[in-house]
Protein backbone atom coordinates (compact mmCIF):
# COMPACT_ATOMS: atom_id res chain seq x y z
CA UNK A 1 0.00 0.00 0.00
CA UNK A 2 1.12 3.54 -0.69
CA UNK A 3 0.74 6.58 1.50
CA UNK A 4 1.25 10.06 0.10
CA UNK A 5 1.27 11.68 3.53
CA UNK A 6 4.93 12.72 3.04
CA UNK A 7 3.81 14.69 -0.04
CA UNK A 8 1.48 16.93 1.97
CA UNK A 9 4.22 17.70 4.50
CA UNK A 10 6.75 18.41 1.73
CA UNK A 11 4.28 20.72 -0.01
CA UNK A 12 3.68 22.59 3.24
CA UNK A 13 7.43 22.87 3.90
CA UNK A 14 7.98 24.24 0.38
CA UNK A 15 4.97 26.57 0.48
CA UNK A 16 3.35 24.91 -2.54
CA UNK A 17 -0.40 24.39 -2.49
CA UNK A 18 -2.65 21.98 -4.32
CA UNK A 19 -4.02 25.02 -6.15
CA UNK A 20 -0.57 25.92 -7.47
CA UNK A 21 0.15 22.33 -8.54
CA UNK A 22 -3.06 22.29 -10.57
CA UNK A 23 -3.06 25.84 -11.92
CA UNK A 24 0.62 26.69 -12.24
CA UNK A 25 2.29 23.33 -12.84
CA UNK A 26 -0.40 21.53 -14.85
CA UNK A 27 -1.01 18.66 -12.46
CA UNK A 28 -4.55 17.41 -13.13
CA UNK A 29 -7.23 17.55 -10.48
CA UNK A 30 -7.86 13.85 -11.18
CA UNK A 31 -4.24 13.09 -10.29
CA UNK A 32 -4.54 15.16 -7.11
CA UNK A 33 -7.62 13.10 -6.21
CA UNK A 34 -5.64 9.89 -6.70
CA UNK A 35 -2.91 11.22 -4.43
CA UNK A 36 -5.43 12.28 -1.76
CA UNK A 37 -6.91 8.79 -1.77
CA UNK A 38 -3.53 6.97 -1.77
CA UNK A 39 -4.14 5.40 -5.18
CA UNK A 40 -1.38 4.29 -7.54
CA UNK A 41 0.34 6.90 -9.70
CA UNK A 42 3.05 6.48 -12.30
CA UNK A 43 6.76 6.90 -11.70
CA UNK A 44 6.60 9.76 -14.21
CA UNK A 45 4.21 11.52 -11.84
CA UNK A 46 6.54 10.95 -8.89
CA UNK A 47 9.44 12.27 -10.99
CA UNK A 48 7.50 15.36 -12.00
CA UNK A 49 6.48 16.10 -8.41
CA UNK A 50 10.11 15.65 -7.33
CA UNK A 51 11.18 18.22 -9.90
CA UNK A 52 8.48 20.69 -8.87
CA UNK A 53 9.14 20.28 -5.15
CA UNK A 54 12.92 19.83 -5.47
CA UNK A 55 12.85 16.66 -3.40
CA UNK A 56 13.31 12.88 -3.56
CA UNK A 57 10.62 10.18 -3.90
CA UNK A 58 10.87 9.52 -0.15
CA UNK A 59 9.55 13.05 0.37
CA UNK A 60 6.43 12.15 -1.66
CA UNK A 61 5.46 8.55 -1.04
CA UNK A 62 5.78 6.00 1.72
CA UNK A 63 5.40 2.31 0.95
CA UNK A 64 3.56 0.46 3.68
CA UNK A 65 4.14 -3.30 3.65
CA UNK A 66 1.10 -5.51 3.22
CA UNK A 67 0.84 -7.57 6.41
CA UNK A 68 -1.13 -10.35 4.71
CA UNK A 69 1.96 -11.62 2.83
PDB file of N, CA and C in Angstrom:
ATOM      1  N   UNK A   1       0.839  -1.176   0.000  1.00  0.00           N
ATOM      2  CA  UNK A   1       0.000   0.000   0.000  1.00  0.00           C
ATOM      3  C   UNK A   1       0.885   1.241   0.000  1.00  0.00           C
ATOM      4  N   UNK A   2       0.395   2.279  -0.606  1.00  0.00           N
ATOM      5  CA  UNK A   2       1.121   3.540  -0.688  1.00  0.00           C
ATOM      6  C   UNK A   2       0.443   4.591   0.177  1.00  0.00           C
ATOM      7  N   UNK A   3       1.253   5.426   0.775  1.00  0.00           N
ATOM      8  CA  UNK A   3       0.737   6.581   1.500  1.00  0.00           C
ATOM      9  C   UNK A   3       1.457   7.815   0.968  1.00  0.00           C
ATOM     10  N   UNK A   4       0.674   8.806   0.593  1.00  0.00           N
ATOM     11  CA  UNK A   4       1.254  10.056   0.099  1.00  0.00           C
ATOM     12  C   UNK A   4       1.289  11.123   1.180  1.00  0.00           C
ATOM     13  N   UNK A   5       1.203  10.705   2.445  1.00  0.00           N
ATOM     14  CA  UNK A   5       1.268  11.681   3.534  1.00  0.00           C
ATOM     15  C   UNK A   5       2.574  12.478   3.530  1.00  0.00           C
ATOM     16  N   UNK A   6       3.725  11.885   3.124  1.00  0.00           N
ATOM     17  CA  UNK A   6       4.932  12.720   3.040  1.00  0.00           C
ATOM     18  C   UNK A   6       4.797  13.863   2.033  1.00  0.00           C
ATOM     19  N   UNK A   7       4.011  13.652   0.976  1.00  0.00           N
ATOM     20  CA  UNK A   7       3.809  14.693  -0.037  1.00  0.00           C
ATOM     21  C   UNK A   7       3.208  15.946   0.583  1.00  0.00           C
ATOM     22  N   UNK A   8       2.182  15.777   1.410  1.00  0.00           N
ATOM     23  CA  UNK A   8       1.480  16.926   1.973  1.00  0.00           C
ATOM     24  C   UNK A   8       2.405  17.721   2.896  1.00  0.00           C
ATOM     25  N   UNK A   9       3.262  17.018   3.636  1.00  0.00           N
ATOM     26  CA  UNK A   9       4.224  17.704   4.502  1.00  0.00           C
ATOM     27  C   UNK A   9       5.265  18.438   3.660  1.00  0.00           C
ATOM     28  N   UNK A  10       5.759  17.791   2.614  1.00  0.00           N
ATOM     29  CA  UNK A  10       6.751  18.412   1.733  1.00  0.00           C
ATOM     30  C   UNK A  10       6.166  19.651   1.066  1.00  0.00           C
ATOM     31  N   UNK A  11       4.927  19.557   0.609  1.00  0.00           N
ATOM     32  CA  UNK A  11       4.278  20.716  -0.008  1.00  0.00           C
ATOM     33  C   UNK A  11       4.187  21.861   0.995  1.00  0.00           C
ATOM     34  N   UNK A  12       3.796  21.557   2.210  1.00  0.00           N
ATOM     35  CA  UNK A  12       3.682  22.587   3.244  1.00  0.00           C
ATOM     36  C   UNK A  12       5.053  23.209   3.523  1.00  0.00           C
ATOM     37  N   UNK A  13       6.077  22.373   3.639  1.00  0.00           N
ATOM     38  CA  UNK A  13       7.428  22.870   3.900  1.00  0.00           C
ATOM     39  C   UNK A  13       7.934  23.775   2.782  1.00  0.00           C
ATOM     40  N   UNK A  14       7.520  23.472   1.534  1.00  0.00           N
ATOM     41  CA  UNK A  14       7.983  24.236   0.378  1.00  0.00           C
ATOM     42  C   UNK A  14       7.062  25.415   0.045  1.00  0.00           C
ATOM     43  N   UNK A  15       5.923  25.486   0.735  1.00  0.00           N
ATOM     44  CA  UNK A  15       4.972  26.566   0.476  1.00  0.00           C
ATOM     45  C   UNK A  15       4.245  26.416  -0.845  1.00  0.00           C
ATOM     46  N   UNK A  16       4.052  25.176  -1.287  1.00  0.00           N
ATOM     47  CA  UNK A  16       3.350  24.909  -2.542  1.00  0.00           C
ATOM     48  C   UNK A  16       2.002  24.285  -2.218  1.00  0.00           C
ATOM     49  N   UNK A  17       0.959  24.864  -2.760  1.00  0.00           N
ATOM     50  CA  UNK A  17      -0.397  24.390  -2.488  1.00  0.00           C
ATOM     51  C   UNK A  17      -0.899  23.485  -3.605  1.00  0.00           C
ATOM     52  N   UNK A  18      -1.978  22.780  -3.297  1.00  0.00           N
ATOM     53  CA  UNK A  18      -2.652  21.979  -4.319  1.00  0.00           C
ATOM     54  C   UNK A  18      -3.098  22.876  -5.466  1.00  0.00           C
ATOM     55  N   UNK A  19      -3.599  24.054  -5.131  1.00  0.00           N
ATOM     56  CA  UNK A  19      -4.021  25.018  -6.148  1.00  0.00           C
ATOM     57  C   UNK A  19      -2.881  25.333  -7.110  1.00  0.00           C
ATOM     58  N   UNK A  20      -1.689  25.579  -6.587  1.00  0.00           N
ATOM     59  CA  UNK A  20      -0.569  25.921  -7.469  1.00  0.00           C
ATOM     60  C   UNK A  20      -0.127  24.721  -8.304  1.00  0.00           C
ATOM     61  N   UNK A  21      -0.195  23.512  -7.740  1.00  0.00           N
ATOM     62  CA  UNK A  21       0.148  22.330  -8.537  1.00  0.00           C
ATOM     63  C   UNK A  21      -0.790  22.201  -9.729  1.00  0.00           C
ATOM     64  N   UNK A  22      -2.072  22.433  -9.497  1.00  0.00           N
ATOM     65  CA  UNK A  22      -3.058  22.289 -10.569  1.00  0.00           C
ATOM     66  C   UNK A  22      -2.984  23.455 -11.552  1.00  0.00           C
ATOM     67  N   UNK A  23      -2.938  24.669 -11.049  1.00  0.00           N
ATOM     68  CA  UNK A  23      -3.061  25.841 -11.921  1.00  0.00           C
ATOM     69  C   UNK A  23      -1.744  26.390 -12.458  1.00  0.00           C
ATOM     70  N   UNK A  24      -0.654  26.150 -11.775  1.00  0.00           N
ATOM     71  CA  UNK A  24       0.623  26.693 -12.241  1.00  0.00           C
ATOM     72  C   UNK A  24       1.558  25.633 -12.820  1.00  0.00           C
ATOM     73  N   UNK A  25       1.390  24.382 -12.379  1.00  0.00           N
ATOM     74  CA  UNK A  25       2.291  23.326 -12.836  1.00  0.00           C
ATOM     75  C   UNK A  25       1.610  22.284 -13.710  1.00  0.00           C
ATOM     76  N   UNK A  26       0.304  22.422 -13.929  1.00  0.00           N
ATOM     77  CA  UNK A  26      -0.401  21.534 -14.852  1.00  0.00           C
ATOM     78  C   UNK A  26      -0.684  20.136 -14.331  1.00  0.00           C
ATOM     79  N   UNK A  27      -0.631  19.951 -13.024  1.00  0.00           N
ATOM     80  CA  UNK A  27      -1.012  18.659 -12.456  1.00  0.00           C
ATOM     81  C   UNK A  27      -2.541  18.592 -12.478  1.00  0.00           C
ATOM     82  N   UNK A  28      -3.090  17.492 -12.988  1.00  0.00           N
ATOM     83  CA  UNK A  28      -4.545  17.415 -13.130  1.00  0.00           C
ATOM     84  C   UNK A  28      -5.237  17.240 -11.782  1.00  0.00           C
ATOM     85  N   UNK A  29      -6.454  17.713 -11.711  1.00  0.00           N
ATOM     86  CA  UNK A  29      -7.231  17.550 -10.483  1.00  0.00           C
ATOM     87  C   UNK A  29      -7.536  16.071 -10.235  1.00  0.00           C
ATOM     88  N   UNK A  30      -7.651  15.294 -11.311  1.00  0.00           N
ATOM     89  CA  UNK A  30      -7.857  13.846 -11.176  1.00  0.00           C
ATOM     90  C   UNK A  30      -6.647  13.203 -10.498  1.00  0.00           C
ATOM     91  N   UNK A  31      -5.459  13.608 -10.904  1.00  0.00           N
ATOM     92  CA  UNK A  31      -4.236  13.089 -10.291  1.00  0.00           C
ATOM     93  C   UNK A  31      -4.169  13.488  -8.815  1.00  0.00           C
ATOM     94  N   UNK A  32      -4.533  14.721  -8.508  1.00  0.00           N
ATOM     95  CA  UNK A  32      -4.536  15.164  -7.113  1.00  0.00           C
ATOM     96  C   UNK A  32      -5.518  14.323  -6.296  1.00  0.00           C
ATOM     97  N   UNK A  33      -6.650  13.969  -6.882  1.00  0.00           N
ATOM     98  CA  UNK A  33      -7.617  13.105  -6.207  1.00  0.00           C
ATOM     99  C   UNK A  33      -7.008  11.730  -5.927  1.00  0.00           C
ATOM    100  N   UNK A  34      -6.300  11.178  -6.908  1.00  0.00           N
ATOM    101  CA  UNK A  34      -5.643   9.886  -6.703  1.00  0.00           C
ATOM    102  C   UNK A  34      -4.642   9.964  -5.557  1.00  0.00           C
ATOM    103  N   UNK A  35      -3.883  11.049  -5.498  1.00  0.00           N
ATOM    104  CA  UNK A  35      -2.906  11.219  -4.426  1.00  0.00           C
ATOM    105  C   UNK A  35      -3.610  11.345  -3.067  1.00  0.00           C
ATOM    106  N   UNK A  36      -4.687  12.103  -3.017  1.00  0.00           N
ATOM    107  CA  UNK A  36      -5.428  12.279  -1.761  1.00  0.00           C
ATOM    108  C   UNK A  36      -5.979  10.966  -1.231  1.00  0.00           C
ATOM    109  N   UNK A  37      -6.313  10.064  -2.152  1.00  0.00           N
ATOM    110  CA  UNK A  37      -6.913   8.787  -1.768  1.00  0.00           C
ATOM    111  C   UNK A  37      -5.904   7.637  -1.797  1.00  0.00           C
ATOM    112  N   UNK A  38      -4.616   7.969  -1.816  1.00  0.00           N
ATOM    113  CA  UNK A  38      -3.534   6.974  -1.770  1.00  0.00           C
ATOM    114  C   UNK A  38      -3.657   5.903  -2.851  1.00  0.00           C
ATOM    115  N   UNK A  39      -4.056   6.324  -4.046  1.00  0.00           N
ATOM    116  CA  UNK A  39      -4.138   5.401  -5.181  1.00  0.00           C
ATOM    117  C   UNK A  39      -2.803   5.399  -5.931  1.00  0.00           C
ATOM    118  N   UNK A  40      -2.623   4.398  -6.762  1.00  0.00           N
ATOM    119  CA  UNK A  40      -1.382   4.288  -7.537  1.00  0.00           C
ATOM    120  C   UNK A  40      -1.233   5.450  -8.515  1.00  0.00           C
ATOM    121  N   UNK A  41      -0.004   5.925  -8.664  1.00  0.00           N
ATOM    122  CA  UNK A  41       0.338   6.900  -9.696  1.00  0.00           C
ATOM    123  C   UNK A  41       1.597   6.399 -10.386  1.00  0.00           C
ATOM    124  N   UNK A  42       1.900   6.941 -11.535  1.00  0.00           N
ATOM    125  CA  UNK A  42       3.054   6.480 -12.296  1.00  0.00           C
ATOM    126  C   UNK A  42       4.357   7.044 -11.729  1.00  0.00           C
ATOM    127  N   UNK A  43       5.446   6.392 -12.087  1.00  0.00           N
ATOM    128  CA  UNK A  43       6.765   6.900 -11.702  1.00  0.00           C
ATOM    129  C   UNK A  43       7.016   8.246 -12.373  1.00  0.00           C
ATOM    130  N   UNK A  44       6.469   8.464 -13.538  1.00  0.00           N
ATOM    131  CA  UNK A  44       6.599   9.759 -14.208  1.00  0.00           C
ATOM    132  C   UNK A  44       5.975  10.861 -13.354  1.00  0.00           C
ATOM    133  N   UNK A  45       4.851  10.563 -12.736  1.00  0.00           N
ATOM    134  CA  UNK A  45       4.205  11.525 -11.843  1.00  0.00           C
ATOM    135  C   UNK A  45       5.087  11.816 -10.642  1.00  0.00           C
ATOM    136  N   UNK A  46       5.638  10.772 -10.040  1.00  0.00           N
ATOM    137  CA  UNK A  46       6.541  10.949  -8.893  1.00  0.00           C
ATOM    138  C   UNK A  46       7.737  11.798  -9.310  1.00  0.00           C
ATOM    139  N   UNK A  47       8.293  11.513 -10.474  1.00  0.00           N
ATOM    140  CA  UNK A  47       9.438  12.266 -10.985  1.00  0.00           C
ATOM    141  C   UNK A  47       9.078  13.737 -11.177  1.00  0.00           C
ATOM    142  N   UNK A  48       7.934  13.981 -11.755  1.00  0.00           N
ATOM    143  CA  UNK A  48       7.499  15.363 -11.996  1.00  0.00           C
ATOM    144  C   UNK A  48       7.294  16.120 -10.687  1.00  0.00           C
ATOM    145  N   UNK A  49       6.669  15.469  -9.715  1.00  0.00           N
ATOM    146  CA  UNK A  49       6.479  16.098  -8.410  1.00  0.00           C
ATOM    147  C   UNK A  49       7.822  16.374  -7.733  1.00  0.00           C
ATOM    148  N   UNK A  50       8.762  15.444  -7.887  1.00  0.00           N
ATOM    149  CA  UNK A  50      10.108  15.649  -7.325  1.00  0.00           C
ATOM    150  C   UNK A  50      10.773  16.878  -7.948  1.00  0.00           C
ATOM    151  N   UNK A  51      10.601  17.055  -9.239  1.00  0.00           N
ATOM    152  CA  UNK A  51      11.177  18.222  -9.903  1.00  0.00           C
ATOM    153  C   UNK A  51      10.516  19.510  -9.409  1.00  0.00           C
ATOM    154  N   UNK A  52       9.208  19.505  -9.311  1.00  0.00           N
ATOM    155  CA  UNK A  52       8.480  20.695  -8.871  1.00  0.00           C
ATOM    156  C   UNK A  52       8.857  21.062  -7.445  1.00  0.00           C
ATOM    157  N   UNK A  53       8.915  20.049  -6.576  1.00  0.00           N
ATOM    158  CA  UNK A  53       9.143  20.283  -5.154  1.00  0.00           C
ATOM    159  C   UNK A  53      10.619  20.249  -4.759  1.00  0.00           C
ATOM    160  N   UNK A  54      11.490  19.940  -5.729  1.00  0.00           N
ATOM    161  CA  UNK A  54      12.923  19.834  -5.466  1.00  0.00           C
ATOM    162  C   UNK A  54      13.174  18.896  -4.282  1.00  0.00           C
ATOM    163  N   UNK A  55      12.745  17.638  -4.469  1.00  0.00           N
ATOM    164  CA  UNK A  55      12.849  16.660  -3.396  1.00  0.00           C
ATOM    165  C   UNK A  55      13.122  15.277  -3.981  1.00  0.00           C
ATOM    166  N   UNK A  56      13.127  14.266  -3.132  1.00  0.00           N
ATOM    167  CA  UNK A  56      13.308  12.881  -3.562  1.00  0.00           C
ATOM    168  C   UNK A  56      11.984  12.130  -3.425  1.00  0.00           C
ATOM    169  N   UNK A  57      11.863  10.943  -4.026  1.00  0.00           N
ATOM    170  CA  UNK A  57      10.622  10.176  -3.904  1.00  0.00           C
ATOM    171  C   UNK A  57      10.220   9.897  -2.451  1.00  0.00           C
ATOM    172  N   UNK A  58      11.194   9.748  -1.561  1.00  0.00           N
ATOM    173  CA  UNK A  58      10.869   9.516  -0.148  1.00  0.00           C
ATOM    174  C   UNK A  58      10.123  10.687   0.468  1.00  0.00           C
ATOM    175  N   UNK A  59      10.256  11.872  -0.117  1.00  0.00           N
ATOM    176  CA  UNK A  59       9.550  13.048   0.365  1.00  0.00           C
ATOM    177  C   UNK A  59       8.120  13.116  -0.170  1.00  0.00           C
ATOM    178  N   UNK A  60       7.748  12.142  -1.014  1.00  0.00           N
ATOM    179  CA  UNK A  60       6.432  12.147  -1.658  1.00  0.00           C
ATOM    180  C   UNK A  60       5.597  10.938  -1.278  1.00  0.00           C
ATOM    181  N   UNK A  61       6.226   9.781  -1.249  1.00  0.00           N
ATOM    182  CA  UNK A  61       5.456   8.549  -1.036  1.00  0.00           C
ATOM    183  C   UNK A  61       6.148   7.665  -0.001  1.00  0.00           C
ATOM    184  N   UNK A  62       5.313   6.995   0.763  1.00  0.00           N
ATOM    185  CA  UNK A  62       5.782   6.001   1.720  1.00  0.00           C
ATOM    186  C   UNK A  62       5.141   4.681   1.333  1.00  0.00           C
ATOM    187  N   UNK A  63       5.934   3.628   1.269  1.00  0.00           N
ATOM    188  CA  UNK A  63       5.403   2.310   0.947  1.00  0.00           C
ATOM    189  C   UNK A  63       5.170   1.566   2.261  1.00  0.00           C
ATOM    190  N   UNK A  64       3.950   1.166   2.461  1.00  0.00           N
ATOM    191  CA  UNK A  64       3.562   0.464   3.683  1.00  0.00           C
ATOM    192  C   UNK A  64       3.401  -1.007   3.347  1.00  0.00           C
ATOM    193  N   UNK A  65       4.205  -1.876   3.973  1.00  0.00           N
ATOM    194  CA  UNK A  65       4.135  -3.302   3.649  1.00  0.00           C
ATOM    195  C   UNK A  65       2.748  -3.886   3.919  1.00  0.00           C
ATOM    196  N   UNK A  66       2.360  -4.798   3.056  1.00  0.00           N
ATOM    197  CA  UNK A  66       1.102  -5.515   3.220  1.00  0.00           C
ATOM    198  C   UNK A  66       1.324  -6.631   4.241  1.00  0.00           C
ATOM    199  N   UNK A  67       0.628  -6.604   5.331  1.00  0.00           N
ATOM    200  CA  UNK A  67       0.837  -7.575   6.413  1.00  0.00           C
ATOM    201  C   UNK A  67       0.259  -8.950   6.101  1.00  0.00           C
ATOM    202  N   UNK A  68      -0.520  -9.048   5.036  1.00  0.00           N
ATOM    203  CA  UNK A  68      -1.128 -10.351   4.707  1.00  0.00           C
ATOM    204  C   UNK A  68      -0.154 -11.282   3.999  1.00  0.00           C
ATOM    205  N   UNK A  69       0.984 -10.762   3.531  1.00  0.00           N
ATOM    206  CA  UNK A  69       1.964 -11.617   2.830  1.00  0.00           C
ATOM    207  C   UNK A  69       2.841 -12.333   3.803  1.00  0.00           C
TER     208      UNK A  69
END
